[in-house]
Amino acid sequence: MKKRQTVFRLTLSSRPKAITRVEPFLDKIRVELKLDDIQVNKLMVSVTEAVNNAIIHGNKQNPEKKVKIVGEILPGWLLVIISDQGRGFDPGQIRNPLQEENLLRESGRGIFLMRTLMDKVEIDRTESGTEVRLWLNLNKQM
């Protein structure tokens, strides 16, 4: 008999204070997968950055628009999908925060952090907004 895939779901309003609901959501995943502190910290920073970007840049803090988070446990992987209802953007246009002219900018580090901490990051513009897929390899030795 095939093992059923485990899925976690959370929907947030696009208010900055909604970010506080990310940690309890990730805690459920941590318990299910028995994640170590390094994995949890990578997830916490990456998912928080993605949700923050979705609320502020994607949905422009419009409380009528939602941010959805889905965590899927797949063979050897955890996939966390964050989607917003904004206009979308071209990830190729994101400035490198390590270049000298960008060091003092107040924004632009979130996607860099996600790409640094996660094993794979995919960003797509969809019909309904932007979708960020964060992949964590569960078989990777720290």
N, C-alpha and C. Protein backbone atom coordinates (compact mmCIF):
# COMPACT_ATOMS: atom_id res chain seq x y z
N MET A 1 0.84 -1.18 0.00
CA MET A 1 0.00 0.00 0.00
C MET A 1 0.89 1.25 0.00
N LYS A 2 0.58 2.18 -0.88
CA LYS A 2 1.37 3.40 -1.03
C LYS A 2 1.11 4.34 0.14
N LYS A 3 2.20 4.90 0.70
CA LYS A 3 2.08 5.83 1.81
C LYS A 3 1.47 7.14 1.33
N ARG A 4 0.52 7.63 2.08
CA ARG A 4 -0.16 8.88 1.74
C ARG A 4 0.77 10.06 2.00
N GLN A 5 0.79 10.99 1.09
CA GLN A 5 1.61 12.20 1.22
C GLN A 5 1.03 13.09 2.32
N THR A 6 1.88 13.65 3.17
CA THR A 6 1.45 14.54 4.23
C THR A 6 1.52 15.98 3.74
N VAL A 7 0.42 16.71 3.94
CA VAL A 7 0.34 18.09 3.48
C VAL A 7 -0.13 18.97 4.65
N PHE A 8 0.55 20.11 4.81
CA PHE A 8 0.18 21.11 5.80
C PHE A 8 -0.24 22.37 5.06
N ARG A 9 -1.29 23.04 5.53
CA ARG A 9 -1.79 24.24 4.85
C ARG A 9 -2.03 25.37 5.84
N LEU A 10 -1.76 26.60 5.37
CA LEU A 10 -2.02 27.79 6.17
C LEU A 10 -2.35 28.93 5.21
N THR A 11 -3.42 29.68 5.52
CA THR A 11 -3.78 30.86 4.73
C THR A 11 -3.72 32.06 5.65
N LEU A 12 -3.05 33.11 5.18
CA LEU A 12 -2.84 34.33 5.96
C LEU A 12 -3.47 35.52 5.25
N SER A 13 -3.94 36.49 6.03
CA SER A 13 -4.31 37.77 5.44
C SER A 13 -3.01 38.54 5.19
N SER A 14 -3.07 39.52 4.35
CA SER A 14 -1.85 40.26 3.99
C SER A 14 -1.61 41.43 4.93
N ARG A 15 -1.54 41.11 6.20
CA ARG A 15 -1.18 42.07 7.24
C ARG A 15 0.18 41.64 7.79
N PRO A 16 1.10 42.57 8.02
CA PRO A 16 2.43 42.19 8.52
C PRO A 16 2.39 41.35 9.80
N LYS A 17 1.43 41.58 10.68
CA LYS A 17 1.38 40.81 11.92
C LYS A 17 1.05 39.33 11.68
N ALA A 18 0.53 39.00 10.52
CA ALA A 18 0.20 37.60 10.20
C ALA A 18 1.45 36.72 10.15
N ILE A 19 2.61 37.34 10.00
CA ILE A 19 3.87 36.60 9.93
C ILE A 19 4.09 35.77 11.19
N THR A 20 3.47 36.16 12.30
CA THR A 20 3.64 35.42 13.55
C THR A 20 3.05 34.01 13.49
N ARG A 21 2.22 33.75 12.51
CA ARG A 21 1.61 32.42 12.37
C ARG A 21 2.51 31.43 11.64
N VAL A 22 3.62 31.92 11.08
CA VAL A 22 4.54 31.04 10.33
C VAL A 22 5.25 30.07 11.28
N GLU A 23 5.73 30.55 12.40
CA GLU A 23 6.49 29.68 13.31
C GLU A 23 5.67 28.48 13.81
N PRO A 24 4.43 28.67 14.29
CA PRO A 24 3.65 27.50 14.71
C PRO A 24 3.36 26.54 13.55
N PHE A 25 3.18 27.08 12.35
CA PHE A 25 2.98 26.24 11.16
C PHE A 25 4.20 25.36 10.92
N LEU A 26 5.39 25.98 10.95
CA LEU A 26 6.62 25.22 10.72
C LEU A 26 6.92 24.27 11.87
N ASP A 27 6.45 24.60 13.06
CA ASP A 27 6.67 23.72 14.20
C ASP A 27 5.95 22.38 14.00
N LYS A 28 4.77 22.41 13.39
CA LYS A 28 4.05 21.16 13.10
C LYS A 28 4.86 20.29 12.14
N ILE A 29 5.47 20.92 11.15
CA ILE A 29 6.30 20.19 10.19
C ILE A 29 7.55 19.66 10.88
N ARG A 30 8.15 20.49 11.74
CA ARG A 30 9.34 20.06 12.49
C ARG A 30 9.05 18.80 13.28
N VAL A 31 7.93 18.78 13.98
CA VAL A 31 7.57 17.62 14.79
C VAL A 31 7.34 16.39 13.90
N GLU A 32 6.60 16.56 12.83
CA GLU A 32 6.30 15.45 11.92
C GLU A 32 7.57 14.83 11.34
N LEU A 33 8.53 15.67 10.95
CA LEU A 33 9.74 15.19 10.29
C LEU A 33 10.93 15.00 11.23
N LYS A 34 10.77 15.43 12.48
CA LYS A 34 11.88 15.38 13.45
C LYS A 34 13.10 16.14 12.91
N LEU A 35 12.86 17.36 12.45
CA LEU A 35 13.92 18.19 11.89
C LEU A 35 14.89 18.65 12.97
N ASP A 36 16.16 18.81 12.58
CA ASP A 36 17.14 19.32 13.54
C ASP A 36 17.11 20.86 13.54
N ASP A 37 17.86 21.45 14.46
CA ASP A 37 17.85 22.90 14.62
C ASP A 37 18.31 23.63 13.36
N ILE A 38 19.30 23.09 12.68
CA ILE A 38 19.80 23.74 11.46
C ILE A 38 18.72 23.76 10.39
N GLN A 39 18.05 22.63 10.18
CA GLN A 39 16.97 22.57 9.19
C GLN A 39 15.84 23.53 9.56
N VAL A 40 15.48 23.56 10.83
CA VAL A 40 14.39 24.43 11.28
C VAL A 40 14.76 25.90 11.06
N ASN A 41 15.99 26.27 11.38
CA ASN A 41 16.41 27.66 11.20
C ASN A 41 16.44 28.05 9.72
N LYS A 42 16.91 27.16 8.86
CA LYS A 42 16.90 27.43 7.42
C LYS A 42 15.48 27.66 6.92
N LEU A 43 14.57 26.79 7.37
CA LEU A 43 13.17 26.93 6.99
C LEU A 43 12.56 28.21 7.53
N MET A 44 12.81 28.50 8.80
CA MET A 44 12.21 29.67 9.43
C MET A 44 12.61 30.95 8.69
N VAL A 45 13.89 31.11 8.41
CA VAL A 45 14.34 32.31 7.71
C VAL A 45 13.75 32.36 6.29
N SER A 46 13.84 31.26 5.57
CA SER A 46 13.40 31.24 4.17
C SER A 46 11.90 31.44 4.02
N VAL A 47 11.12 30.72 4.80
CA VAL A 47 9.66 30.84 4.70
C VAL A 47 9.21 32.20 5.18
N THR A 48 9.79 32.71 6.26
CA THR A 48 9.43 34.04 6.75
C THR A 48 9.73 35.10 5.71
N GLU A 49 10.89 35.00 5.06
CA GLU A 49 11.23 35.96 4.00
C GLU A 49 10.24 35.89 2.84
N ALA A 50 9.89 34.67 2.43
CA ALA A 50 8.95 34.50 1.31
C ALA A 50 7.56 35.04 1.67
N VAL A 51 7.10 34.77 2.89
CA VAL A 51 5.79 35.26 3.32
C VAL A 51 5.82 36.78 3.44
N ASN A 52 6.88 37.32 4.01
CA ASN A 52 7.02 38.77 4.12
C ASN A 52 6.99 39.43 2.74
N ASN A 53 7.72 38.86 1.79
CA ASN A 53 7.71 39.39 0.42
C ASN A 53 6.30 39.32 -0.18
N ALA A 54 5.60 38.20 0.06
CA ALA A 54 4.26 38.03 -0.48
C ALA A 54 3.30 39.08 0.10
N ILE A 55 3.39 39.32 1.40
CA ILE A 55 2.51 40.30 2.05
C ILE A 55 2.83 41.72 1.57
N ILE A 56 4.11 42.09 1.61
CA ILE A 56 4.50 43.48 1.33
C ILE A 56 4.58 43.78 -0.16
N HIS A 57 5.34 42.99 -0.89
CA HIS A 57 5.57 43.28 -2.31
C HIS A 57 4.50 42.70 -3.22
N GLY A 58 4.06 41.48 -2.93
CA GLY A 58 3.06 40.84 -3.78
C GLY A 58 1.67 41.42 -3.58
N ASN A 59 1.17 41.30 -2.37
CA ASN A 59 -0.21 41.73 -2.09
C ASN A 59 -0.33 43.17 -1.61
N LYS A 60 0.79 43.87 -1.51
CA LYS A 60 0.82 45.29 -1.11
C LYS A 60 0.06 45.54 0.19
N GLN A 61 0.14 44.57 1.12
CA GLN A 61 -0.50 44.65 2.44
C GLN A 61 -2.02 44.84 2.36
N ASN A 62 -2.61 44.40 1.27
CA ASN A 62 -4.07 44.47 1.11
C ASN A 62 -4.68 43.31 1.89
N PRO A 63 -5.39 43.58 3.00
CA PRO A 63 -5.91 42.50 3.83
C PRO A 63 -6.95 41.62 3.14
N GLU A 64 -7.48 42.09 2.01
CA GLU A 64 -8.43 41.28 1.24
C GLU A 64 -7.72 40.18 0.46
N LYS A 65 -6.43 40.37 0.21
CA LYS A 65 -5.66 39.38 -0.54
C LYS A 65 -5.00 38.41 0.43
N LYS A 66 -4.87 37.18 0.00
CA LYS A 66 -4.36 36.11 0.87
C LYS A 66 -2.98 35.64 0.45
N VAL A 67 -2.25 35.13 1.44
CA VAL A 67 -1.00 34.43 1.21
C VAL A 67 -1.25 32.99 1.65
N LYS A 68 -0.96 32.05 0.78
CA LYS A 68 -1.16 30.64 1.10
C LYS A 68 0.19 29.95 1.23
N ILE A 69 0.29 29.11 2.25
CA ILE A 69 1.50 28.32 2.49
C ILE A 69 1.08 26.86 2.51
N VAL A 70 1.78 26.06 1.72
CA VAL A 70 1.53 24.62 1.68
C VAL A 70 2.86 23.92 1.92
N GLY A 71 2.89 23.02 2.88
CA GLY A 71 4.06 22.19 3.11
C GLY A 71 3.75 20.76 2.71
N GLU A 72 4.54 20.21 1.80
CA GLU A 72 4.34 18.83 1.33
C GLU A 72 5.56 17.99 1.67
N ILE A 73 5.32 16.88 2.33
CA ILE A 73 6.40 15.95 2.63
C ILE A 73 6.43 14.92 1.50
N LEU A 74 7.53 14.95 0.76
CA LEU A 74 7.72 14.06 -0.39
C LEU A 74 8.88 13.12 -0.08
N PRO A 75 9.04 12.04 -0.81
CA PRO A 75 10.16 11.12 -0.54
C PRO A 75 11.51 11.87 -0.58
N GLY A 76 12.13 12.02 0.59
CA GLY A 76 13.44 12.65 0.68
C GLY A 76 13.43 14.17 0.67
N TRP A 77 12.27 14.78 0.54
CA TRP A 77 12.19 16.24 0.41
C TRP A 77 11.06 16.82 1.22
N LEU A 78 11.24 18.07 1.64
CA LEU A 78 10.14 18.90 2.11
C LEU A 78 10.01 20.03 1.10
N LEU A 79 8.81 20.21 0.58
CA LEU A 79 8.51 21.29 -0.35
C LEU A 79 7.55 22.25 0.35
N VAL A 80 7.94 23.53 0.43
CA VAL A 80 7.06 24.55 0.99
C VAL A 80 6.75 25.53 -0.14
N ILE A 81 5.46 25.71 -0.40
CA ILE A 81 5.00 26.59 -1.48
C ILE A 81 4.32 27.79 -0.85
N ILE A 82 4.77 28.99 -1.22
CA ILE A 82 4.19 30.23 -0.74
C ILE A 82 3.63 30.95 -1.95
N SER A 83 2.34 31.27 -1.93
CA SER A 83 1.74 31.95 -3.08
C SER A 83 0.97 33.18 -2.63
N ASP A 84 1.02 34.22 -3.48
CA ASP A 84 0.29 35.45 -3.19
C ASP A 84 -0.65 35.75 -4.34
N GLN A 85 -1.37 36.86 -4.22
CA GLN A 85 -2.34 37.27 -5.24
C GLN A 85 -1.93 38.59 -5.87
N GLY A 86 -0.62 38.83 -5.92
CA GLY A 86 -0.11 40.07 -6.49
C GLY A 86 0.06 40.00 -8.00
N ARG A 87 0.72 41.00 -8.55
CA ARG A 87 0.92 41.09 -10.00
C ARG A 87 2.07 40.22 -10.49
N GLY A 88 2.89 39.74 -9.57
CA GLY A 88 4.05 38.94 -9.98
C GLY A 88 5.23 39.82 -10.33
N PHE A 89 6.38 39.17 -10.50
CA PHE A 89 7.59 39.91 -10.83
C PHE A 89 8.54 38.97 -11.56
N ASP A 90 9.55 39.56 -12.16
CA ASP A 90 10.56 38.79 -12.86
C ASP A 90 11.74 38.60 -11.91
N PRO A 91 11.97 37.36 -11.42
CA PRO A 91 13.07 37.15 -10.47
C PRO A 91 14.44 37.48 -11.05
N GLY A 92 14.55 37.52 -12.37
CA GLY A 92 15.80 37.88 -13.02
C GLY A 92 16.15 39.36 -12.83
N GLN A 93 15.17 40.15 -12.43
CA GLN A 93 15.39 41.58 -12.23
C GLN A 93 15.83 41.92 -10.80
N ILE A 94 15.93 40.92 -9.94
CA ILE A 94 16.34 41.15 -8.56
C ILE A 94 17.83 41.49 -8.53
N ARG A 95 18.16 42.59 -7.85
CA ARG A 95 19.56 43.01 -7.75
C ARG A 95 20.33 42.08 -6.80
N ASN A 96 21.60 41.89 -7.09
CA ASN A 96 22.47 41.11 -6.22
C ASN A 96 22.80 41.95 -4.99
N PRO A 97 22.37 41.51 -3.79
CA PRO A 97 22.61 42.33 -2.59
C PRO A 97 24.08 42.38 -2.18
N LEU A 98 24.93 41.56 -2.78
CA LEU A 98 26.35 41.57 -2.45
C LEU A 98 27.16 42.56 -3.28
N GLN A 99 26.55 43.09 -4.36
CA GLN A 99 27.26 44.08 -5.15
C GLN A 99 27.33 45.40 -4.37
N GLU A 100 28.45 46.08 -4.50
CA GLU A 100 28.71 47.27 -3.70
C GLU A 100 27.58 48.30 -3.76
N GLU A 101 27.02 48.52 -4.95
CA GLU A 101 25.98 49.54 -5.08
C GLU A 101 24.67 49.14 -4.40
N ASN A 102 24.55 47.86 -4.00
CA ASN A 102 23.32 47.39 -3.36
C ASN A 102 23.47 47.11 -1.87
N LEU A 103 24.67 47.26 -1.34
CA LEU A 103 24.92 46.89 0.05
C LEU A 103 24.08 47.67 1.06
N LEU A 104 23.77 48.91 0.78
CA LEU A 104 23.04 49.73 1.73
C LEU A 104 21.54 49.80 1.44
N ARG A 105 21.09 49.11 0.42
CA ARG A 105 19.65 49.09 0.10
C ARG A 105 18.89 48.40 1.22
N GLU A 106 17.69 48.88 1.49
CA GLU A 106 16.88 48.32 2.57
C GLU A 106 16.20 47.02 2.18
N SER A 107 16.09 46.72 0.91
CA SER A 107 15.43 45.49 0.48
C SER A 107 16.32 44.75 -0.51
N GLY A 108 15.92 43.54 -0.85
CA GLY A 108 16.65 42.79 -1.85
C GLY A 108 17.44 41.62 -1.31
N ARG A 109 17.35 41.35 -0.01
CA ARG A 109 18.12 40.25 0.56
C ARG A 109 17.31 38.97 0.75
N GLY A 110 15.99 39.07 0.75
CA GLY A 110 15.14 37.92 1.03
C GLY A 110 15.35 36.76 0.08
N ILE A 111 15.30 37.03 -1.21
CA ILE A 111 15.47 35.95 -2.19
C ILE A 111 16.89 35.41 -2.14
N PHE A 112 17.86 36.29 -1.93
CA PHE A 112 19.24 35.84 -1.77
C PHE A 112 19.35 34.87 -0.59
N LEU A 113 18.73 35.20 0.54
CA LEU A 113 18.76 34.32 1.71
C LEU A 113 18.10 32.98 1.41
N MET A 114 16.95 33.02 0.76
CA MET A 114 16.25 31.78 0.41
C MET A 114 17.14 30.88 -0.46
N ARG A 115 17.76 31.49 -1.46
CA ARG A 115 18.61 30.70 -2.37
C ARG A 115 19.85 30.17 -1.67
N THR A 116 20.32 30.89 -0.67
CA THR A 116 21.50 30.45 0.08
C THR A 116 21.16 29.31 1.03
N LEU A 117 20.02 29.38 1.67
CA LEU A 117 19.66 28.43 2.72
C LEU A 117 18.95 27.16 2.23
N MET A 118 18.18 27.28 1.17
CA MET A 118 17.41 26.13 0.69
C MET A 118 18.21 25.35 -0.36
N ASP A 119 17.87 24.09 -0.55
CA ASP A 119 18.54 23.27 -1.55
C ASP A 119 18.10 23.61 -2.96
N LYS A 120 16.89 24.13 -3.09
CA LYS A 120 16.39 24.53 -4.40
C LYS A 120 15.30 25.57 -4.17
N VAL A 121 15.28 26.62 -5.00
CA VAL A 121 14.25 27.67 -4.93
C VAL A 121 13.74 27.90 -6.34
N GLU A 122 12.43 27.87 -6.47
CA GLU A 122 11.78 28.16 -7.76
C GLU A 122 10.78 29.28 -7.55
N ILE A 123 10.79 30.25 -8.46
CA ILE A 123 9.87 31.39 -8.38
C ILE A 123 9.18 31.52 -9.72
N ASP A 124 7.86 31.50 -9.69
CA ASP A 124 7.09 31.60 -10.93
C ASP A 124 5.96 32.60 -10.79
N ARG A 125 5.74 33.33 -11.85
CA ARG A 125 4.58 34.20 -11.95
C ARG A 125 3.43 33.31 -12.44
N THR A 126 2.31 33.36 -11.75
CA THR A 126 1.15 32.56 -12.14
C THR A 126 0.01 33.48 -12.54
N GLU A 127 -1.10 32.91 -12.95
CA GLU A 127 -2.27 33.73 -13.30
C GLU A 127 -2.80 34.48 -12.10
N SER A 128 -2.59 33.92 -10.91
CA SER A 128 -3.16 34.55 -9.71
C SER A 128 -2.13 35.25 -8.83
N GLY A 129 -0.86 35.31 -9.24
CA GLY A 129 0.16 36.00 -8.44
C GLY A 129 1.54 35.39 -8.62
N THR A 130 2.27 35.30 -7.52
CA THR A 130 3.60 34.71 -7.54
C THR A 130 3.61 33.47 -6.66
N GLU A 131 4.35 32.46 -7.11
CA GLU A 131 4.50 31.23 -6.33
C GLU A 131 5.98 30.98 -6.11
N VAL A 132 6.35 30.82 -4.84
CA VAL A 132 7.73 30.51 -4.47
C VAL A 132 7.73 29.09 -3.92
N ARG A 133 8.60 28.25 -4.48
CA ARG A 133 8.73 26.86 -4.01
C ARG A 133 10.10 26.69 -3.38
N LEU A 134 10.10 26.35 -2.10
CA LEU A 134 11.33 26.15 -1.34
C LEU A 134 11.49 24.66 -1.09
N TRP A 135 12.63 24.11 -1.50
CA TRP A 135 12.90 22.68 -1.37
C TRP A 135 14.00 22.45 -0.33
N LEU A 136 13.73 21.56 0.62
CA LEU A 136 14.71 21.17 1.61
C LEU A 136 14.97 19.68 1.46
N ASN A 137 16.22 19.32 1.17
CA ASN A 137 16.61 17.91 1.02
C ASN A 137 16.69 17.29 2.40
N LEU A 138 15.84 16.31 2.66
CA LEU A 138 15.79 15.68 3.98
C LEU A 138 16.87 14.63 4.17
N ASN A 139 17.54 14.23 3.08
CA ASN A 139 18.58 13.20 3.17
C ASN A 139 19.98 13.80 3.24
N LYS A 140 20.07 15.11 3.14
CA LYS A 140 21.35 15.79 3.12
C LYS A 140 21.95 15.80 4.52
N GLN A 141 23.19 15.42 4.63
CA GLN A 141 23.88 15.45 5.92
C GLN A 141 24.38 16.85 6.18
N MET A 142 24.17 17.31 7.40
CA MET A 142 24.59 18.67 7.77
C MET A 142 26.06 18.66 8.13
